[in-house]
Amino acid sequence: MPVTWIAEQPLVFIHADGTRETARIAVGLPETVSDEEAACAIVLEPLLPKPYLIKGASKLQALALAIRFVSNRLSDAIDDGTRIEFADGRSVVLDELFGA
């Protein structure tokens, strides 16, 4: 089944060596998998170039976990020395983008 993307954000990664890389976050519409499970697709290019499914007990939980997963992976990239900017050059502050 094709993913319906409900939110996308283009970004730019500036790696520790100065190289710039186009990046993109995309979050899909959560889908019911079974009576006890739902899944939410995410893309976090270039870290996860193919859709990756985050599963939860409900659509709400799957969506919340997917957004938390994206935030945590971006935090890991920053910890590894990558700077993250919006396409217009403004720095991404994760707490402002995802909430504290």
C-alpha atoms as a PDB file:
ATOM      1  CA  MET A   1       0.000   0.000   0.000  1.00  0.00           C
ATOM      2  CA  PRO A   2       1.450   3.410  -0.912  1.00  0.00           C
ATOM      3  CA  VAL A   3       2.275   5.787   1.907  1.00  0.00           C
ATOM      4  CA  THR A   4       0.293   9.005   2.278  1.00  0.00           C
ATOM      5  CA  TRP A   5       2.854  11.565   3.466  1.00  0.00           C
ATOM      6  CA  ILE A   6       1.273  14.020   5.903  1.00  0.00           C
ATOM      7  CA  ALA A   7       4.288  16.148   6.803  1.00  0.00           C
ATOM      8  CA  GLU A   8       7.622  16.869   5.134  1.00  0.00           C
ATOM      9  CA  GLN A   9      10.538  19.147   5.909  1.00  0.00           C
ATOM     10  CA  PRO A  10      13.561  19.715   3.668  1.00  0.00           C
ATOM     11  CA  LEU A  11      16.826  20.193   5.554  1.00  0.00           C
ATOM     12  CA  VAL A  12      20.544  20.510   4.912  1.00  0.00           C
ATOM     13  CA  PHE A  13      23.160  18.525   6.809  1.00  0.00           C
ATOM     14  CA  ILE A  14      26.573  20.164   7.179  1.00  0.00           C
ATOM     15  CA  HIS A  15      28.973  17.429   8.209  1.00  0.00           C
ATOM     16  CA  ALA A  16      32.031  17.925  10.412  1.00  0.00           C
ATOM     17  CA  ASP A  17      34.276  17.913   7.315  1.00  0.00           C
ATOM     18  CA  GLY A  18      32.240  20.790   5.827  1.00  0.00           C
ATOM     19  CA  THR A  19      30.397  18.800   3.168  1.00  0.00           C
ATOM     20  CA  ARG A  20      26.768  19.730   2.654  1.00  0.00           C
ATOM     21  CA  GLU A  21      24.060  17.172   1.987  1.00  0.00           C
ATOM     22  CA  THR A  22      20.410  17.658   1.131  1.00  0.00           C
ATOM     23  CA  ALA A  23      18.188  16.017   3.732  1.00  0.00           C
ATOM     24  CA  ARG A  24      14.468  15.434   4.165  1.00  0.00           C
ATOM     25  CA  ILE A  25      12.120  14.340   6.907  1.00  0.00           C
ATOM     26  CA  ALA A  26       8.786  12.835   5.894  1.00  0.00           C
ATOM     27  CA  VAL A  27       6.104  11.359   8.159  1.00  0.00           C
ATOM     28  CA  GLY A  28       3.342   9.169   6.825  1.00  0.00           C
ATOM     29  CA  LEU A  29      -0.270   8.816   7.827  1.00  0.00           C
ATOM     30  CA  PRO A  30      -0.451   6.115  10.536  1.00  0.00           C
ATOM     31  CA  GLU A  31      -2.181   2.949   9.352  1.00  0.00           C
ATOM     32  CA  THR A  32      -3.864   0.140  11.255  1.00  0.00           C
ATOM     33  CA  VAL A  33      -1.941  -3.125  10.883  1.00  0.00           C
ATOM     34  CA  SER A  34      -4.185  -5.279  13.105  1.00  0.00           C
ATOM     35  CA  ASP A  35      -6.542  -4.885  16.058  1.00  0.00           C
ATOM     36  CA  GLU A  36      -3.483  -4.560  18.280  1.00  0.00           C
ATOM     37  CA  GLU A  37      -0.973  -2.750  16.086  1.00  0.00           C
ATOM     38  CA  ALA A  38      -0.544   0.328  13.920  1.00  0.00           C
ATOM     39  CA  ALA A  39       2.420   1.588  11.900  1.00  0.00           C
ATOM     40  CA  CYS A  40       3.685   4.980  10.797  1.00  0.00           C
ATOM     41  CA  ALA A  41       6.163   5.323   7.924  1.00  0.00           C
ATOM     42  CA  ILE A  42       9.002   7.814   8.149  1.00  0.00           C
ATOM     43  CA  VAL A  43      11.830   8.861   5.879  1.00  0.00           C
ATOM     44  CA  LEU A  44      14.909  10.583   7.217  1.00  0.00           C
ATOM     45  CA  GLU A  45      17.133  11.157   4.197  1.00  0.00           C
ATOM     46  CA  PRO A  46      20.020  10.552   3.927  1.00  0.00           C
ATOM     47  CA  LEU A  47      20.106   8.561   7.185  1.00  0.00           C
ATOM     48  CA  LEU A  48      17.079   6.406   6.256  1.00  0.00           C
ATOM     49  CA  PRO A  49      16.496   6.865   2.526  1.00  0.00           C
ATOM     50  CA  LYS A  50      13.745   4.245   2.303  1.00  0.00           C
ATOM     51  CA  PRO A  51      10.504   4.377   4.270  1.00  0.00           C
ATOM     52  CA  TYR A  52      10.978   2.912   7.733  1.00  0.00           C
ATOM     53  CA  LEU A  53       7.983   1.690   9.737  1.00  0.00           C
ATOM     54  CA  ILE A  54       7.556   2.610  13.378  1.00  0.00           C
ATOM     55  CA  LYS A  55       4.971   0.452  15.121  1.00  0.00           C
ATOM     56  CA  GLY A  56       2.756   1.098  18.112  1.00  0.00           C
ATOM     57  CA  ALA A  57      -0.371  -0.199  19.802  1.00  0.00           C
ATOM     58  CA  SER A  58      -2.498   2.514  18.155  1.00  0.00           C
ATOM     59  CA  LYS A  59      -2.257   5.064  15.351  1.00  0.00           C
ATOM     60  CA  LEU A  60      -1.616   7.808  17.893  1.00  0.00           C
ATOM     61  CA  GLN A  61       1.181   5.881  19.569  1.00  0.00           C
ATOM     62  CA  ALA A  62       2.761   4.941  16.221  1.00  0.00           C
ATOM     63  CA  LEU A  63       2.730   8.607  15.146  1.00  0.00           C
ATOM     64  CA  ALA A  64       4.169   9.820  18.466  1.00  0.00           C
ATOM     65  CA  LEU A  65       6.903   7.172  18.398  1.00  0.00           C
ATOM     66  CA  ALA A  66       7.745   7.976  14.772  1.00  0.00           C
ATOM     67  CA  ILE A  67       8.227  11.670  15.523  1.00  0.00           C
ATOM     68  CA  ARG A  68      10.296  10.855  18.610  1.00  0.00           C
ATOM     69  CA  PHE A  69      12.420   8.454  16.529  1.00  0.00           C
ATOM     70  CA  VAL A  70      13.135  11.166  13.937  1.00  0.00           C
ATOM     71  CA  SER A  71      14.016  13.666  16.664  1.00  0.00           C
ATOM     72  CA  ASN A  72      16.375  11.176  18.326  1.00  0.00           C
ATOM     73  CA  ARG A  73      18.143  10.318  15.037  1.00  0.00           C
ATOM     74  CA  LEU A  74      18.658  14.028  14.289  1.00  0.00           C
ATOM     75  CA  SER A  75      20.002  14.499  17.819  1.00  0.00           C
ATOM     76  CA  ASP A  76      22.427  11.612  17.213  1.00  0.00           C
ATOM     77  CA  ALA A  77      23.614  13.284  13.989  1.00  0.00           C
ATOM     78  CA  ILE A  78      24.216  16.546  15.863  1.00  0.00           C
ATOM     79  CA  ASP A  79      26.122  14.655  18.579  1.00  0.00           C
ATOM     80  CA  ASP A  80      28.296  13.184  15.816  1.00  0.00           C
ATOM     81  CA  GLY A  81      29.231  16.685  14.615  1.00  0.00           C
ATOM     82  CA  THR A  82      26.610  17.352  11.934  1.00  0.00           C
ATOM     83  CA  ARG A  83      25.020  20.785  11.816  1.00  0.00           C
ATOM     84  CA  ILE A  84      21.430  20.833  10.585  1.00  0.00           C
ATOM     85  CA  GLU A  85      19.863  23.797   8.794  1.00  0.00           C
ATOM     86  CA  PHE A  86      16.602  24.591   7.086  1.00  0.00           C
ATOM     87  CA  ALA A  87      16.872  25.176   3.322  1.00  0.00           C
ATOM     88  CA  ASP A  88      16.997  28.951   3.941  1.00  0.00           C
ATOM     89  CA  GLY A  89      20.119  28.631   6.131  1.00  0.00           C
ATOM     90  CA  ARG A  90      18.490  29.002   9.560  1.00  0.00           C
ATOM     91  CA  SER A  91      19.814  26.568  12.152  1.00  0.00           C
ATOM     92  CA  VAL A  92      17.478  23.786  13.236  1.00  0.00           C
ATOM     93  CA  VAL A  93      16.876  23.777  16.981  1.00  0.00           C
ATOM     94  CA  LEU A  94      15.393  20.365  17.758  1.00  0.00           C
ATOM     95  CA  ASP A  95      13.471  21.532  20.846  1.00  0.00           C
ATOM     96  CA  GLU A  96      11.795  24.225  18.727  1.00  0.00           C
ATOM     97  CA  LEU A  97      11.020  21.833  15.872  1.00  0.00           C
ATOM     98  CA  PHE A  98       9.800  18.879  17.947  1.00  0.00           C
ATOM     99  CA  GLY A  99       9.076  20.380  21.368  1.00  0.00           C
ATOM    100  CA  ALA A 100      11.111  19.906  24.512  1.00  0.00           C
END
